Protein backbone atom coordinates (compact mmCIF):
# COMPACT_ATOMS: atom_id res chain seq x y z
CA UNK A 1 0.00 0.00 0.00
CA UNK A 2 1.19 3.53 -0.72
CA UNK A 3 -0.07 6.35 1.48
CA UNK A 4 0.57 10.02 0.69
CA UNK A 5 -0.51 12.55 3.29
CA UNK A 6 -0.72 16.23 2.41
CA UNK A 7 -1.05 19.17 4.80
CA UNK A 8 -1.18 22.89 4.14
CA UNK A 9 -2.29 26.06 5.91
CA UNK A 10 -3.54 29.42 4.65
CA UNK A 11 -1.83 32.69 5.50
CA UNK A 12 -3.40 34.28 8.58
CA UNK A 13 -2.34 37.08 10.88
CA UNK A 14 -2.77 34.98 14.04
CA UNK A 15 -0.97 31.90 15.35
CA UNK A 16 -2.05 28.57 13.90
CA UNK A 17 -1.86 25.07 15.38
CA UNK A 18 -1.72 21.75 13.56
CA UNK A 19 -1.96 18.58 15.65
CA UNK A 20 -1.87 15.14 14.04
CA UNK A 21 -1.32 11.47 14.79
CA UNK A 22 -0.28 8.89 12.19
CA UNK A 23 0.01 5.23 13.14
CA UNK A 24 1.11 2.55 10.67
CA UNK A 25 1.01 -1.17 11.46
CA UNK A 26 2.33 -3.72 8.97
CA UNK A 27 1.10 -7.29 9.45
CA UNK A 28 2.23 -10.45 7.65
CA UNK A 29 3.51 -9.89 4.09
CA UNK A 30 2.51 -6.21 4.16
CA UNK A 31 4.45 -3.41 2.52
CA UNK A 32 3.59 0.22 3.29
CA UNK A 33 5.16 3.23 1.59
CA UNK A 34 4.41 6.37 3.60
CA UNK A 35 5.13 9.93 2.54
CA UNK A 36 4.04 13.29 3.87
CA UNK A 37 4.10 16.62 2.06
CA UNK A 38 3.71 19.70 4.24
CA UNK A 39 3.35 23.31 3.15
CA UNK A 40 3.06 25.54 6.20
CA UNK A 41 2.95 29.31 6.48
CA UNK A 42 6.33 30.24 8.02
CA UNK A 43 5.07 33.25 9.98
CA UNK A 44 5.45 36.98 9.58
CA UNK A 45 7.28 39.95 11.12
CA UNK A 46 4.35 40.64 13.48
CA UNK A 47 4.96 37.37 15.29
CA UNK A 48 2.13 35.22 13.84
CA UNK A 49 3.46 31.72 13.28
CA UNK A 50 2.51 28.12 12.71
CA UNK A 51 2.91 25.57 15.51
CA UNK A 52 2.99 21.90 14.58
CA UNK A 53 2.62 18.93 16.92
CA UNK A 54 2.80 15.56 15.16
CA UNK A 55 3.27 12.05 16.43
CA UNK A 56 4.12 9.30 13.97
CA UNK A 57 4.32 5.67 15.06
CA UNK A 58 5.33 2.69 12.96
CA UNK A 59 5.12 -0.94 13.95
CA UNK A 60 6.39 -3.78 11.80
CA UNK A 61 4.96 -6.85 13.50
CA UNK A 62 4.39 -9.30 10.69
CA UNK A 63 6.61 -11.74 8.85
CA UNK A 64 8.06 -10.38 5.61
CA UNK A 65 6.61 -6.92 6.31
CA UNK A 66 8.19 -3.54 5.59
CA UNK A 67 7.44 0.16 6.13
CA UNK A 68 9.39 2.73 4.16
PDB file of N, CA and C in Angstrom:
ATOM      1  N   UNK A   1       0.838  -1.143   0.000  1.00  0.00           N
ATOM      2  CA  UNK A   1       0.000   0.000   0.000  1.00  0.00           C
ATOM      3  C   UNK A   1       0.897   1.224   0.000  1.00  0.00           C
ATOM      4  N   UNK A   2       0.516   2.239  -0.745  1.00  0.00           N
ATOM      5  CA  UNK A   2       1.194   3.530  -0.721  1.00  0.00           C
ATOM      6  C   UNK A   2       0.248   4.552  -0.124  1.00  0.00           C
ATOM      7  N   UNK A   3       0.754   5.347   0.816  1.00  0.00           N
ATOM      8  CA  UNK A   3      -0.066   6.354   1.482  1.00  0.00           C
ATOM      9  C   UNK A   3       0.650   7.689   1.409  1.00  0.00           C
ATOM     10  N   UNK A   4       0.011   8.678   0.806  1.00  0.00           N
ATOM     11  CA  UNK A   4       0.567  10.023   0.693  1.00  0.00           C
ATOM     12  C   UNK A   4      -0.337  10.967   1.461  1.00  0.00           C
ATOM     13  N   UNK A   5       0.225  11.600   2.469  1.00  0.00           N
ATOM     14  CA  UNK A   5      -0.512  12.551   3.285  1.00  0.00           C
ATOM     15  C   UNK A   5      -0.084  13.952   2.877  1.00  0.00           C
ATOM     16  N   UNK A   6      -1.035  14.851   2.752  1.00  0.00           N
ATOM     17  CA  UNK A   6      -0.717  16.226   2.414  1.00  0.00           C
ATOM     18  C   UNK A   6      -1.349  17.194   3.402  1.00  0.00           C
ATOM     19  N   UNK A   7      -0.571  18.178   3.844  1.00  0.00           N
ATOM     20  CA  UNK A   7      -1.053  19.174   4.798  1.00  0.00           C
ATOM     21  C   UNK A   7      -0.636  20.552   4.326  1.00  0.00           C
ATOM     22  N   UNK A   8      -1.505  21.521   4.497  1.00  0.00           N
ATOM     23  CA  UNK A   8      -1.179  22.894   4.140  1.00  0.00           C
ATOM     24  C   UNK A   8      -1.993  23.837   5.016  1.00  0.00           C
ATOM     25  N   UNK A   9      -1.583  25.068   5.094  1.00  0.00           N
ATOM     26  CA  UNK A   9      -2.292  26.059   5.908  1.00  0.00           C
ATOM     27  C   UNK A   9      -2.331  27.391   5.168  1.00  0.00           C
ATOM     28  N   UNK A  10      -3.447  28.112   5.276  1.00  0.00           N
ATOM     29  CA  UNK A  10      -3.539  29.423   4.645  1.00  0.00           C
ATOM     30  C   UNK A  10      -2.741  30.469   5.435  1.00  0.00           C
ATOM     31  N   UNK A  11      -2.508  31.592   4.823  1.00  0.00           N
ATOM     32  CA  UNK A  11      -1.833  32.694   5.500  1.00  0.00           C
ATOM     33  C   UNK A  11      -2.851  33.430   6.360  1.00  0.00           C
ATOM     34  N   UNK A  12      -2.544  33.547   7.653  1.00  0.00           N
ATOM     35  CA  UNK A  12      -3.404  34.279   8.582  1.00  0.00           C
ATOM     36  C   UNK A  12      -2.525  35.180   9.433  1.00  0.00           C
ATOM     37  N   UNK A  13      -3.125  36.165  10.057  1.00  0.00           N
ATOM     38  CA  UNK A  13      -2.340  37.083  10.881  1.00  0.00           C
ATOM     39  C   UNK A  13      -2.359  36.707  12.367  1.00  0.00           C
ATOM     40  N   UNK A  14      -2.794  35.488  12.668  1.00  0.00           N
ATOM     41  CA  UNK A  14      -2.772  34.982  14.037  1.00  0.00           C
ATOM     42  C   UNK A  14      -2.023  33.658  14.051  1.00  0.00           C
ATOM     43  N   UNK A  15      -1.649  33.196  15.233  1.00  0.00           N
ATOM     44  CA  UNK A  15      -0.971  31.905  15.353  1.00  0.00           C
ATOM     45  C   UNK A  15      -1.890  30.781  14.908  1.00  0.00           C
ATOM     46  N   UNK A  16      -1.298  29.732  14.354  1.00  0.00           N
ATOM     47  CA  UNK A  16      -2.047  28.567  13.896  1.00  0.00           C
ATOM     48  C   UNK A  16      -1.459  27.315  14.550  1.00  0.00           C
ATOM     49  N   UNK A  17      -2.306  26.325  14.781  1.00  0.00           N
ATOM     50  CA  UNK A  17      -1.860  25.074  15.378  1.00  0.00           C
ATOM     51  C   UNK A  17      -2.313  23.913  14.513  1.00  0.00           C
ATOM     52  N   UNK A  18      -1.395  22.989  14.254  1.00  0.00           N
ATOM     53  CA  UNK A  18      -1.722  21.749  13.562  1.00  0.00           C
ATOM     54  C   UNK A  18      -1.308  20.609  14.476  1.00  0.00           C
ATOM     55  N   UNK A  19      -2.253  19.737  14.813  1.00  0.00           N
ATOM     56  CA  UNK A  19      -1.958  18.578  15.650  1.00  0.00           C
ATOM     57  C   UNK A  19      -2.414  17.322  14.904  1.00  0.00           C
ATOM     58  N   UNK A  20      -1.536  16.339  14.815  1.00  0.00           N
ATOM     59  CA  UNK A  20      -1.871  15.142  14.043  1.00  0.00           C
ATOM     60  C   UNK A  20      -1.235  13.902  14.657  1.00  0.00           C
ATOM     61  N   UNK A  21      -1.858  12.765  14.379  1.00  0.00           N
ATOM     62  CA  UNK A  21      -1.315  11.471  14.785  1.00  0.00           C
ATOM     63  C   UNK A  21      -1.410  10.539  13.582  1.00  0.00           C
ATOM     64  N   UNK A  22      -0.312   9.885  13.252  1.00  0.00           N
ATOM     65  CA  UNK A  22      -0.276   8.891  12.188  1.00  0.00           C
ATOM     66  C   UNK A  22       0.272   7.608  12.798  1.00  0.00           C
ATOM     67  N   UNK A  23      -0.451   6.512  12.622  1.00  0.00           N
ATOM     68  CA  UNK A  23       0.006   5.227  13.137  1.00  0.00           C
ATOM     69  C   UNK A  23      -0.075   4.200  12.017  1.00  0.00           C
ATOM     70  N   UNK A  24       1.039   3.566  11.711  1.00  0.00           N
ATOM     71  CA  UNK A  24       1.107   2.550  10.667  1.00  0.00           C
ATOM     72  C   UNK A  24       1.470   1.217  11.300  1.00  0.00           C
ATOM     73  N   UNK A  25       0.727   0.173  10.957  1.00  0.00           N
ATOM     74  CA  UNK A  25       1.006  -1.173  11.458  1.00  0.00           C
ATOM     75  C   UNK A  25       1.053  -2.117  10.262  1.00  0.00           C
ATOM     76  N   UNK A  26       2.172  -2.784  10.081  1.00  0.00           N
ATOM     77  CA  UNK A  26       2.330  -3.724   8.967  1.00  0.00           C
ATOM     78  C   UNK A  26       2.255  -5.149   9.508  1.00  0.00           C
ATOM     79  N   UNK A  27       1.268  -5.894   9.052  1.00  0.00           N
ATOM     80  CA  UNK A  27       1.098  -7.291   9.455  1.00  0.00           C
ATOM     81  C   UNK A  27       1.801  -8.202   8.453  1.00  0.00           C
ATOM     82  N   UNK A  28       1.544  -9.489   8.497  1.00  0.00           N
ATOM     83  CA  UNK A  28       2.234 -10.453   7.645  1.00  0.00           C
ATOM     84  C   UNK A  28       2.185 -10.070   6.165  1.00  0.00           C
ATOM     85  N   UNK A  29       3.353 -10.122   5.529  1.00  0.00           N
ATOM     86  CA  UNK A  29       3.512  -9.893   4.087  1.00  0.00           C
ATOM     87  C   UNK A  29       2.997  -8.529   3.626  1.00  0.00           C
ATOM     88  N   UNK A  30       2.978  -7.553   4.514  1.00  0.00           N
ATOM     89  CA  UNK A  30       2.507  -6.211   4.156  1.00  0.00           C
ATOM     90  C   UNK A  30       3.691  -5.319   3.814  1.00  0.00           C
ATOM     91  N   UNK A  31       3.459  -4.419   2.872  1.00  0.00           N
ATOM     92  CA  UNK A  31       4.454  -3.412   2.524  1.00  0.00           C
ATOM     93  C   UNK A  31       3.742  -2.072   2.457  1.00  0.00           C
ATOM     94  N   UNK A  32       4.202  -1.115   3.250  1.00  0.00           N
ATOM     95  CA  UNK A  32       3.594   0.216   3.295  1.00  0.00           C
ATOM     96  C   UNK A  32       4.655   1.234   2.905  1.00  0.00           C
ATOM     97  N   UNK A  33       4.316   2.095   1.954  1.00  0.00           N
ATOM     98  CA  UNK A  33       5.164   3.228   1.587  1.00  0.00           C
ATOM     99  C   UNK A  33       4.431   4.481   2.056  1.00  0.00           C
ATOM    100  N   UNK A  34       5.049   5.199   2.993  1.00  0.00           N
ATOM    101  CA  UNK A  34       4.410   6.366   3.604  1.00  0.00           C
ATOM    102  C   UNK A  34       5.203   7.622   3.288  1.00  0.00           C
ATOM    103  N   UNK A  35       4.504   8.639   2.817  1.00  0.00           N
ATOM    104  CA  UNK A  35       5.130   9.931   2.540  1.00  0.00           C
ATOM    105  C   UNK A  35       4.220  11.036   3.043  1.00  0.00           C
ATOM    106  N   UNK A  36       4.817  12.124   3.477  1.00  0.00           N
ATOM    107  CA  UNK A  36       4.037  13.289   3.868  1.00  0.00           C
ATOM    108  C   UNK A  36       4.607  14.522   3.186  1.00  0.00           C
ATOM    109  N   UNK A  37       3.724  15.366   2.698  1.00  0.00           N
ATOM    110  CA  UNK A  37       4.100  16.622   2.062  1.00  0.00           C
ATOM    111  C   UNK A  37       3.435  17.728   2.872  1.00  0.00           C
ATOM    112  N   UNK A  38       4.249  18.644   3.388  1.00  0.00           N
ATOM    113  CA  UNK A  38       3.710  19.697   4.241  1.00  0.00           C
ATOM    114  C   UNK A  38       4.108  21.060   3.693  1.00  0.00           C
ATOM    115  N   UNK A  39       3.145  21.966   3.652  1.00  0.00           N
ATOM    116  CA  UNK A  39       3.354  23.309   3.146  1.00  0.00           C
ATOM    117  C   UNK A  39       2.752  24.286   4.154  1.00  0.00           C
ATOM    118  N   UNK A  40       3.558  24.701   5.117  1.00  0.00           N
ATOM    119  CA  UNK A  40       3.059  25.544   6.200  1.00  0.00           C
ATOM    120  C   UNK A  40       3.493  26.983   6.007  1.00  0.00           C
ATOM    121  N   UNK A  41       2.640  27.885   6.450  1.00  0.00           N
ATOM    122  CA  UNK A  41       2.951  29.308   6.476  1.00  0.00           C
ATOM    123  C   UNK A  41       4.058  29.544   7.502  1.00  0.00           C
ATOM    124  N   UNK A  42       5.198  30.129   7.108  1.00  0.00           N
ATOM    125  CA  UNK A  42       6.329  30.236   8.023  1.00  0.00           C
ATOM    126  C   UNK A  42       6.198  31.315   9.094  1.00  0.00           C
ATOM    127  N   UNK A  43       5.217  32.165   9.009  1.00  0.00           N
ATOM    128  CA  UNK A  43       5.067  33.255   9.977  1.00  0.00           C
ATOM    129  C   UNK A  43       5.349  34.600   9.325  1.00  0.00           C
ATOM    130  N   UNK A  44       5.204  35.642  10.109  1.00  0.00           N
ATOM    131  CA  UNK A  44       5.448  36.984   9.583  1.00  0.00           C
ATOM    132  C   UNK A  44       6.195  37.825  10.613  1.00  0.00           C
ATOM    133  N   UNK A  45       6.497  39.061  10.247  1.00  0.00           N
ATOM    134  CA  UNK A  45       7.277  39.945  11.120  1.00  0.00           C
ATOM    135  C   UNK A  45       6.497  40.382  12.352  1.00  0.00           C
ATOM    136  N   UNK A  46       5.171  40.259  12.334  1.00  0.00           N
ATOM    137  CA  UNK A  46       4.351  40.642  13.477  1.00  0.00           C
ATOM    138  C   UNK A  46       4.356  39.577  14.573  1.00  0.00           C
ATOM    139  N   UNK A  47       4.882  38.417  14.283  1.00  0.00           N
ATOM    140  CA  UNK A  47       4.962  37.366  15.286  1.00  0.00           C
ATOM    141  C   UNK A  47       3.985  36.221  15.078  1.00  0.00           C
ATOM    142  N   UNK A  48       3.048  36.332  14.125  1.00  0.00           N
ATOM    143  CA  UNK A  48       2.133  35.217  13.840  1.00  0.00           C
ATOM    144  C   UNK A  48       2.952  34.073  13.266  1.00  0.00           C
ATOM    145  N   UNK A  49       2.686  32.860  13.748  1.00  0.00           N
ATOM    146  CA  UNK A  49       3.462  31.721  13.278  1.00  0.00           C
ATOM    147  C   UNK A  49       2.615  30.460  13.309  1.00  0.00           C
ATOM    148  N   UNK A  50       3.195  29.419  12.776  1.00  0.00           N
ATOM    149  CA  UNK A  50       2.510  28.124  12.713  1.00  0.00           C
ATOM    150  C   UNK A  50       3.180  27.174  13.687  1.00  0.00           C
ATOM    151  N   UNK A  51       2.396  26.547  14.555  1.00  0.00           N
ATOM    152  CA  UNK A  51       2.909  25.570  15.515  1.00  0.00           C
ATOM    153  C   UNK A  51       2.436  24.186  15.097  1.00  0.00           C
ATOM    154  N   UNK A  52       3.340  23.237  15.046  1.00  0.00           N
ATOM    155  CA  UNK A  52       2.990  21.903  14.577  1.00  0.00           C
ATOM    156  C   UNK A  52       3.374  20.859  15.620  1.00  0.00           C
ATOM    157  N   UNK A  53       2.396  20.031  15.994  1.00  0.00           N
ATOM    158  CA  UNK A  53       2.621  18.927  16.921  1.00  0.00           C
ATOM    159  C   UNK A  53       2.179  17.641  16.228  1.00  0.00           C
ATOM    160  N   UNK A  54       3.123  16.805  15.855  1.00  0.00           N
ATOM    161  CA  UNK A  54       2.800  15.560  15.156  1.00  0.00           C
ATOM    162  C   UNK A  54       3.453  14.378  15.858  1.00  0.00           C
ATOM    163  N   UNK A  55       2.746  13.284  15.865  1.00  0.00           N
ATOM    164  CA  UNK A  55       3.266  12.050  16.431  1.00  0.00           C
ATOM    165  C   UNK A  55       3.081  10.960  15.389  1.00  0.00           C
ATOM    166  N   UNK A  56       4.177  10.368  14.958  1.00  0.00           N
ATOM    167  CA  UNK A  56       4.118   9.297  13.971  1.00  0.00           C
ATOM    168  C   UNK A  56       4.673   8.020  14.595  1.00  0.00           C
ATOM    169  N   UNK A  57       3.901   6.955  14.513  1.00  0.00           N
ATOM    170  CA  UNK A  57       4.321   5.666  15.063  1.00  0.00           C
ATOM    171  C   UNK A  57       4.255   4.605  13.981  1.00  0.00           C
ATOM    172  N   UNK A  58       5.280   3.776  13.933  1.00  0.00           N
ATOM    173  CA  UNK A  58       5.333   2.687  12.959  1.00  0.00           C
ATOM    174  C   UNK A  58       5.631   1.398  13.684  1.00  0.00           C
ATOM    175  N   UNK A  59       4.887   0.372  13.331  1.00  0.00           N
ATOM    176  CA  UNK A  59       5.119  -0.939  13.953  1.00  0.00           C
ATOM    177  C   UNK A  59       5.139  -1.990  12.860  1.00  0.00           C
ATOM    178  N   UNK A  60       6.255  -2.672  12.741  1.00  0.00           N
ATOM    179  CA  UNK A  60       6.390  -3.779  11.796  1.00  0.00           C
ATOM    180  C   UNK A  60       6.310  -5.056  12.628  1.00  0.00           C
ATOM    181  N   UNK A  61       5.138  -5.686  12.626  1.00  0.00           N
ATOM    182  CA  UNK A  61       4.959  -6.846  13.504  1.00  0.00           C
ATOM    183  C   UNK A  61       4.714  -8.142  12.746  1.00  0.00           C
ATOM    184  N   UNK A  62       4.657  -8.087  11.449  1.00  0.00           N
ATOM    185  CA  UNK A  62       4.392  -9.301  10.686  1.00  0.00           C
ATOM    186  C   UNK A  62       5.629  -9.858  10.002  1.00  0.00           C
ATOM    187  N   UNK A  63       5.538 -11.117   9.612  1.00  0.00           N
ATOM    188  CA  UNK A  63       6.614 -11.741   8.851  1.00  0.00           C
ATOM    189  C   UNK A  63       6.664 -11.120   7.452  1.00  0.00           C
ATOM    190  N   UNK A  64       7.865 -10.906   6.951  1.00  0.00           N
ATOM    191  CA  UNK A  64       8.064 -10.377   5.613  1.00  0.00           C
ATOM    192  C   UNK A  64       7.372  -9.034   5.408  1.00  0.00           C
ATOM    193  N   UNK A  65       7.263  -8.215   6.441  1.00  0.00           N
ATOM    194  CA  UNK A  65       6.610  -6.916   6.312  1.00  0.00           C
ATOM    195  C   UNK A  65       7.645  -5.806   6.316  1.00  0.00           C
ATOM    196  N   UNK A  66       7.243  -4.648   5.754  1.00  0.00           N
ATOM    197  CA  UNK A  66       8.188  -3.544   5.594  1.00  0.00           C
ATOM    198  C   UNK A  66       7.416  -2.220   5.552  1.00  0.00           C
ATOM    199  N   UNK A  67       7.966  -1.209   6.222  1.00  0.00           N
ATOM    200  CA  UNK A  67       7.436   0.160   6.131  1.00  0.00           C
ATOM    201  C   UNK A  67       8.584   1.052   5.691  1.00  0.00           C
ATOM    202  N   UNK A  68       8.360   1.803   4.630  1.00  0.00           N
ATOM    203  CA  UNK A  68       9.390   2.731   4.160  1.00  0.00           C
ATOM    204  C   UNK A  68       8.790   4.087   3.868  1.00  0.00           C
TER     205      UNK A  68
END
